[in-house]
PDB file of N, CA and C in Angstrom:
ATOM      1  N   MET A   1    -150.133 -67.081   2.083  1.00  0.00           N
ATOM      2  CA  MET A   1    -149.355 -68.049   2.296  1.00  0.00           C
ATOM      3  C   MET A   1    -150.317 -69.195   1.358  1.00  0.00           C
ATOM      4  N   LEU A   2    -151.785 -69.773   1.695  1.00  0.00           N
ATOM      5  CA  LEU A   2    -152.695 -69.986   1.655  1.00  0.00           C
ATOM      6  C   LEU A   2    -152.308 -70.227   0.084  1.00  0.00           C
ATOM      7  N   ALA A   3    -152.484 -69.455  -0.688  1.00  0.00           N
ATOM      8  CA  ALA A   3    -152.360 -68.753  -2.132  1.00  0.00           C
ATOM      9  C   ALA A   3    -151.186 -69.219  -2.695  1.00  0.00           C
ATOM     10  N   ASP A   4    -150.380 -69.106  -2.219  1.00  0.00           N
ATOM     11  CA  ASP A   4    -149.262 -69.519  -2.890  1.00  0.00           C
ATOM     12  C   ASP A   4    -149.199 -71.695  -2.697  1.00  0.00           C
ATOM     13  N   LEU A   5    -149.791 -71.912  -1.576  1.00  0.00           N
ATOM     14  CA  LEU A   5    -149.012 -73.155  -1.386  1.00  0.00           C
ATOM     15  C   LEU A   5    -150.442 -74.356  -2.228  1.00  0.00           C
ATOM     16  N   ALA A   6    -151.885 -73.158  -3.021  1.00  0.00           N
ATOM     17  CA  ALA A   6    -152.728 -73.742  -4.014  1.00  0.00           C
ATOM     18  C   ALA A   6    -151.602 -73.829  -5.147  1.00  0.00           C
ATOM     19  N   ALA A   7    -150.952 -73.017  -5.441  1.00  0.00           N
ATOM     20  CA  ALA A   7    -150.938 -72.228  -6.955  1.00  0.00           C
ATOM     21  C   ALA A   7    -149.575 -73.154  -7.235  1.00  0.00           C
ATOM     22  N   LEU A   8    -148.748 -73.985  -5.862  1.00  0.00           N
ATOM     23  CA  LEU A   8    -147.868 -74.670  -6.124  1.00  0.00           C
ATOM     24  C   LEU A   8    -148.355 -76.652  -6.416  1.00  0.00           C
ATOM     25  N   THR A   9    -149.851 -76.187  -5.455  1.00  0.00           N
ATOM     26  CA  THR A   9    -150.022 -77.994  -5.683  1.00  0.00           C
ATOM     27  C   THR A   9    -149.137 -78.212  -7.187  1.00  0.00           C
ATOM     28  N   PRO A  10    -150.901 -77.909  -8.052  1.00  0.00           N
ATOM     29  CA  PRO A  10    -149.839 -78.844  -9.263  1.00  0.00           C
ATOM     30  C   PRO A  10    -148.780 -79.248  -9.726  1.00  0.00           C
ATOM     31  N   PRO A  11    -148.326 -78.379  -9.737  1.00  0.00           N
ATOM     32  CA  PRO A  11    -146.947 -78.651 -10.260  1.00  0.00           C
ATOM     33  C   PRO A  11    -146.203 -80.386  -9.083  1.00  0.00           C
ATOM     34  N   LEU A  12    -146.265 -79.453  -8.178  1.00  0.00           N
ATOM     35  CA  LEU A  12    -145.659 -80.673  -6.809  1.00  0.00           C
ATOM     36  C   LEU A  12    -146.860 -82.081  -6.694  1.00  0.00           C
ATOM     37  N   ILE A  13    -147.792 -82.238  -7.476  1.00  0.00           N
ATOM     38  CA  ILE A  13    -148.294 -83.289  -7.841  1.00  0.00           C
ATOM     39  C   ILE A  13    -147.838 -84.062  -8.637  1.00  0.00           C
ATOM     40  N   MET A  14    -147.384 -83.175  -9.607  1.00  0.00           N
ATOM     41  CA  MET A  14    -147.033 -84.074 -10.871  1.00  0.00           C
ATOM     42  C   MET A  14    -145.455 -84.441 -11.188  1.00  0.00           C
ATOM     43  N   ALA A  15    -144.664 -83.227 -10.251  1.00  0.00           N
ATOM     44  CA  ALA A  15    -143.207 -84.074  -9.800  1.00  0.00           C
ATOM     45  C   ALA A  15    -143.273 -85.274  -9.138  1.00  0.00           C
ATOM     46  N   ALA A  16    -144.340 -85.423  -8.580  1.00  0.00           N
ATOM     47  CA  ALA A  16    -144.502 -86.689  -7.277  1.00  0.00           C
ATOM     48  C   ALA A  16    -145.001 -87.664  -7.898  1.00  0.00           C
ATOM     49  N   ALA A  17    -146.054 -87.379  -8.983  1.00  0.00           N
ATOM     50  CA  ALA A  17    -146.246 -88.672 -10.024  1.00  0.00           C
ATOM     51  C   ALA A  17    -145.090 -89.349 -10.761  1.00  0.00           C
ATOM     52  N   PHE A  18    -145.048 -88.387 -12.008  1.00  0.00           N
ATOM     53  CA  PHE A  18    -143.108 -88.403 -12.296  1.00  0.00           C
ATOM     54  C   PHE A  18    -141.976 -89.417 -11.754  1.00  0.00           C
ATOM     55  N   LEU A  19    -141.755 -89.167 -10.583  1.00  0.00           N
ATOM     56  CA  LEU A  19    -140.753 -89.907  -9.275  1.00  0.00           C
ATOM     57  C   LEU A  19    -140.975 -91.061  -9.359  1.00  0.00           C
ATOM     58  N   ILE A  20    -142.676 -91.165  -8.983  1.00  0.00           N
ATOM     59  CA  ILE A  20    -142.950 -92.408  -8.529  1.00  0.00           C
ATOM     60  C   ILE A  20    -142.640 -92.866  -9.586  1.00  0.00           C
ATOM     61  N   GLY A  21    -143.572 -92.560 -11.015  1.00  0.00           N
ATOM     62  CA  GLY A  21    -142.986 -93.797 -11.965  1.00  0.00           C
ATOM     63  C   GLY A  21    -141.593 -93.808 -12.403  1.00  0.00           C
ATOM     64  N   LEU A  22    -140.679 -92.565 -12.662  1.00  0.00           N
ATOM     65  CA  LEU A  22    -139.861 -93.583 -12.745  1.00  0.00           C
ATOM     66  C   LEU A  22    -139.430 -94.068 -12.094  1.00  0.00           C
ATOM     67  N   THR A  23    -139.252 -94.130 -10.352  1.00  0.00           N
ATOM     68  CA  THR A  23    -139.080 -95.329  -9.799  1.00  0.00           C
ATOM     69  C   THR A  23    -139.683 -96.546 -10.006  1.00  0.00           C
ATOM     70  N   LEU A  24    -140.262 -96.317 -10.360  1.00  0.00           N
ATOM     71  CA  LEU A  24    -141.269 -98.105 -10.836  1.00  0.00           C
ATOM     72  C   LEU A  24    -140.322 -98.562 -11.612  1.00  0.00           C
ATOM     73  N   PHE A  25    -139.891 -97.751 -13.116  1.00  0.00           N
ATOM     74  CA  PHE A  25    -139.786 -98.240 -14.282  1.00  0.00           C
ATOM     75  C   PHE A  25    -138.389 -99.017 -14.286  1.00  0.00           C
ATOM     76  N   LEU A  26    -137.093 -97.841 -13.489  1.00  0.00           N
ATOM     77  CA  LEU A  26    -136.345 -98.298 -13.022  1.00  0.00           C
ATOM     78  C   LEU A  26    -136.004 -99.318 -12.134  1.00  0.00           C
ATOM     79  N   ARG A  27    -136.919 -99.790 -11.295  1.00  0.00           N
ATOM     80  CA  ARG A  27    -136.806-100.939 -10.267  1.00  0.00           C
ATOM     81  C   ARG A  27    -137.319-102.066 -11.216  1.00  0.00           C
ATOM     82  N   ARG A  28    -138.364-102.039 -12.026  1.00  0.00           N
ATOM     83  CA  ARG A  28    -138.487-103.347 -13.523  1.00  0.00           C
ATOM     84  C   ARG A  28    -137.243-103.355 -14.116  1.00  0.00           C
ATOM     85  N   GLN A  29    -136.468-102.048 -15.230  1.00  0.00           N
ATOM     86  CA  GLN A  29    -135.679-102.230 -15.591  1.00  0.00           C
ATOM     87  C   GLN A  29    -134.253-102.798 -15.341  1.00  0.00           C
ATOM     88  N   LEU A  30    -133.957-102.396 -14.475  1.00  0.00           N
ATOM     89  CA  LEU A  30    -132.484-102.733 -12.946  1.00  0.00           C
ATOM     90  C   LEU A  30    -132.938-103.987 -12.333  1.00  0.00           C
ATOM     91  N   GLY A  31    -134.197-103.806 -11.905  1.00  0.00           N
ATOM     92  CA  GLY A  31    -134.028-105.711 -11.281  1.00  0.00           C
ATOM     93  C   GLY A  31    -133.373-106.990 -11.262  1.00  0.00           C
ATOM     94  N   PRO A  32    -133.923-108.093 -10.556  1.00  0.00           N
ATOM     95  CA  PRO A  32    -132.996-109.241 -10.835  1.00  0.00           C
ATOM     96  C   PRO A  32    -134.459-109.530 -11.860  1.00  0.00           C
ATOM     97  N   ARG A  33    -134.027-110.677 -12.644  1.00  0.00           N
ATOM     98  CA  ARG A  33    -135.202-110.932 -13.852  1.00  0.00           C
ATOM     99  C   ARG A  33    -135.326-112.445 -13.471  1.00  0.00           C
ATOM    100  N   GLY A  34    -136.327-112.869 -13.521  1.00  0.00           N
ATOM    101  CA  GLY A  34    -136.996-114.270 -13.266  1.00  0.00           C
ATOM    102  C   GLY A  34    -136.261-115.071 -14.431  1.00  0.00           C
ATOM    103  N   GLN A  35    -137.083-116.380 -14.461  1.00  0.00           N
ATOM    104  CA  GLN A  35    -136.377-117.140 -15.779  1.00  0.00           C
ATOM    105  C   GLN A  35    -137.521-117.366 -16.470  1.00  0.00           C
ATOM    106  N   HIS A  36    -137.398-116.561 -17.582  1.00  0.00           N
ATOM    107  CA  HIS A  36    -138.739-116.700 -18.473  1.00  0.00           C
ATOM    108  C   HIS A  36    -138.804-117.937 -19.197  1.00  0.00           C
ATOM    109  N   ALA A  37    -139.381-118.120 -20.379  1.00  0.00           N
ATOM    110  CA  ALA A  37    -139.981-119.866 -20.745  1.00  0.00           C
ATOM    111  C   ALA A  37    -138.609-119.430 -22.150  1.00  0.00           C
ATOM    112  N   ASP A  38    -138.576-118.466 -22.802  1.00  0.00           N
ATOM    113  CA  ASP A  38    -137.236-119.035 -23.625  1.00  0.00           C
ATOM    114  C   ASP A  38    -136.379-117.966 -23.712  1.00  0.00           C
ATOM    115  N   ASP A  39    -135.393-118.254 -22.003  1.00  0.00           N
ATOM    116  CA  ASP A  39    -134.176-118.229 -21.653  1.00  0.00           C
ATOM    117  C   ASP A  39    -133.723-119.185 -22.057  1.00  0.00           C
ATOM    118  N   GLY A  40    -134.546-120.549 -22.056  1.00  0.00           N
ATOM    119  CA  GLY A  40    -133.450-121.586 -21.567  1.00  0.00           C
ATOM    120  C   GLY A  40    -132.878-122.535 -22.742  1.00  0.00           C
ATOM    121  N   ASP A  41    -133.184-121.823 -23.971  1.00  0.00           N
ATOM    122  CA  ASP A  41    -133.424-122.347 -25.184  1.00  0.00           C
ATOM    123  C   ASP A  41    -131.279-122.236 -25.883  1.00  0.00           C
ATOM    124  N   GLU A  42    -130.753-121.852 -24.717  1.00  0.00           N
ATOM    125  CA  GLU A  42    -128.861-122.000 -25.051  1.00  0.00           C
ATOM    126  C   GLU A  42    -128.725-123.683 -24.431  1.00  0.00           C
ATOM    127  N   GLY A  43    -129.449-124.075 -24.046  1.00  0.00           N
ATOM    128  CA  GLY A  43    -129.130-125.405 -23.920  1.00  0.00           C
ATOM    129  C   GLY A  43    -129.556-126.320 -25.014  1.00  0.00           C
ATOM    130  N   ASP A  44    -130.318-125.854 -25.717  1.00  0.00           N
ATOM    131  CA  ASP A  44    -130.813-127.017 -26.934  1.00  0.00           C
ATOM    132  C   ASP A  44    -129.634-126.925 -28.119  1.00  0.00           C
ATOM    133  N   ILE A  45    -128.982-125.974 -27.665  1.00  0.00           N
ATOM    134  CA  ILE A  45    -127.909-126.118 -29.236  1.00  0.00           C
ATOM    135  C   ILE A  45    -126.181-126.689 -28.386  1.00  0.00           C
ATOM    136  N   SER A  46    -126.041-127.735 -29.794  1.00  0.00           N
ATOM    137  CA  SER A  46    -125.564-128.374 -28.969  1.00  0.00           C
ATOM    138  C   SER A  46    -124.232-128.471 -30.094  1.00  0.00           C
ATOM    139  N   GLY A  47    -123.184-128.651 -30.046  1.00  0.00           N
ATOM    140  CA  GLY A  47    -121.758-128.403 -30.641  1.00  0.00           C
ATOM    141  C   GLY A  47    -121.906-128.866 -31.828  1.00  0.00           C
ATOM    142  N   ASP A  48    -122.877-130.223 -32.168  1.00  0.00           N
ATOM    143  CA  ASP A  48    -122.513-130.406 -33.442  1.00  0.00           C
ATOM    144  C   ASP A  48    -123.100-130.530 -34.664  1.00  0.00           C
ATOM    145  N   THR A  49    -124.077-128.944 -34.217  1.00  0.00           N
ATOM    146  CA  THR A  49    -124.447-128.474 -36.160  1.00  0.00           C
ATOM    147  C   THR A  49    -123.343-127.638 -36.120  1.00  0.00           C
ATOM    148  N   SER A  50    -124.047-127.329 -37.256  1.00  0.00           N
ATOM    149  CA  SER A  50    -123.154-126.258 -37.945  1.00  0.00           C
ATOM    150  C   SER A  50    -122.554-124.835 -38.434  1.00  0.00           C
ATOM    151  N   ASN A  51    -122.991-124.479 -36.969  1.00  0.00           N
ATOM    152  CA  ASN A  51    -122.760-123.295 -36.295  1.00  0.00           C
ATOM    153  C   ASN A  51    -121.878-123.554 -35.309  1.00  0.00           C
ATOM    154  N   ASP A  52    -121.121-123.903 -36.209  1.00  0.00           N
ATOM    155  CA  ASP A  52    -119.285-124.299 -35.113  1.00  0.00           C
ATOM    156  C   ASP A  52    -118.290-123.244 -35.433  1.00  0.00           C
ATOM    157  N   ASP A  53    -117.762-122.775 -34.261  1.00  0.00           N
ATOM    158  CA  ASP A  53    -117.130-122.254 -34.851  1.00  0.00           C
ATOM    159  C   ASP A  53    -116.091-121.761 -35.492  1.00  0.00           C
ATOM    160  N   PRO A  54    -116.292-121.233 -36.254  1.00  0.00           N
ATOM    161  CA  PRO A  54    -115.282-121.501 -37.614  1.00  0.00           C
ATOM    162  C   PRO A  54    -113.800-121.365 -37.900  1.00  0.00           C
ATOM    163  N   GLY A  55    -112.927-121.004 -36.272  1.00  0.00           N
ATOM    164  CA  GLY A  55    -111.520-121.228 -36.129  1.00  0.00           C
ATOM    165  C   GLY A  55    -111.600-123.083 -35.469  1.00  0.00           C
ATOM    166  N   ASP A  56    -112.600-123.193 -35.392  1.00  0.00           N
ATOM    167  CA  ASP A  56    -112.466-125.083 -35.299  1.00  0.00           C
ATOM    168  C   ASP A  56    -111.903-125.630 -36.176  1.00  0.00           C
ATOM    169  N   ALA A  57    -110.803-126.536 -36.031  1.00  0.00           N
ATOM    170  CA  ALA A  57    -110.243-127.667 -36.386  1.00  0.00           C
ATOM    171  C   ALA A  57    -110.647-128.337 -36.966  1.00  0.00           C
ATOM    172  N   ALA A  58    -111.776-129.059 -36.802  1.00  0.00           N
ATOM    173  CA  ALA A  58    -112.556-129.762 -37.649  1.00  0.00           C
ATOM    174  C   ALA A  58    -113.419-129.027 -37.876  1.00  0.00           C
ATOM    175  N   HIS A  59    -113.502-128.047 -38.719  1.00  0.00           N
ATOM    176  CA  HIS A  59    -114.444-126.939 -38.797  1.00  0.00           C
ATOM    177  C   HIS A  59    -113.629-127.069 -40.771  1.00  0.00           C
ATOM    178  N   GLY A  60    -113.740-127.281 -41.474  1.00  0.00           N
ATOM    179  CA  GLY A  60    -113.645-126.965 -42.410  1.00  0.00           C
ATOM    180  C   GLY A  60    -113.857-125.362 -42.946  1.00  0.00           C
ATOM    181  N   PRO A  61    -112.690-125.110 -44.112  1.00  0.00           N
ATOM    182  CA  PRO A  61    -112.887-123.585 -45.107  1.00  0.00           C
ATOM    183  C   PRO A  61    -114.403-123.537 -45.156  1.00  0.00           C
ATOM    184  N   SER A  62    -114.204-122.172 -44.742  1.00  0.00           N
ATOM    185  CA  SER A  62    -115.309-121.538 -45.252  1.00  0.00           C
ATOM    186  C   SER A  62    -115.050-120.896 -46.514  1.00  0.00           C
ATOM    187  N   THR A  63    -116.333-121.036 -47.862  1.00  0.00           N
ATOM    188  CA  THR A  63    -116.401-120.787 -48.999  1.00  0.00           C
ATOM    189  C   THR A  63    -116.296-119.767 -49.330  1.00  0.00           C
ATOM    190  N   ASP A  64    -116.746-118.599 -47.804  1.00  0.00           N
ATOM    191  CA  ASP A  64    -117.235-117.061 -48.135  1.00  0.00           C
ATOM    192  C   ASP A  64    -115.843-116.122 -47.536  1.00  0.00           C
ATOM    193  N   GLN A  65    -115.047-116.690 -46.620  1.00  0.00           N
ATOM    194  CA  GLN A  65    -113.646-116.179 -45.905  1.00  0.00           C
ATOM    195  C   GLN A  65    -112.325-116.910 -47.042  1.00  0.00           C
ATOM    196  N   HIS A  66    -111.786-114.952 -47.006  1.00  0.00           N
ATOM    197  CA  HIS A  66    -110.521-115.380 -48.141  1.00  0.00           C
ATOM    198  C   HIS A  66    -108.897-115.205 -47.325  1.00  0.00           C
ATOM    199  N   LYS A  67    -108.450-115.550 -47.546  1.00  0.00           N
ATOM    200  CA  LYS A  67    -106.949-115.074 -46.740  1.00  0.00           C
ATOM    201  C   LYS A  67    -106.326-113.975 -47.487  1.00  0.00           C
ATOM    202  N   VAL A  68    -105.958-112.910 -46.517  1.00  0.00           N
ATOM    203  CA  VAL A  68    -105.190-111.565 -47.151  1.00  0.00           C
ATOM    204  C   VAL A  68    -103.582-112.003 -46.705  1.00  0.00           C
TER     205      VAL A  68
END
């Protein structure tokens, strides 16, 4: 009985280490995200730039769009 247990110990240790690593990885990837320094960039963009919506009435026709 002890010989069987001794033979199964290395695979059980590897399986436990894999499950612990998988759990930590998934918690990190799927967990709530904190506020990073580069996440606030969207607040810096104003609507008066040249990246306005092309369908906007105030925006002129684009030269690369053709009517079909």
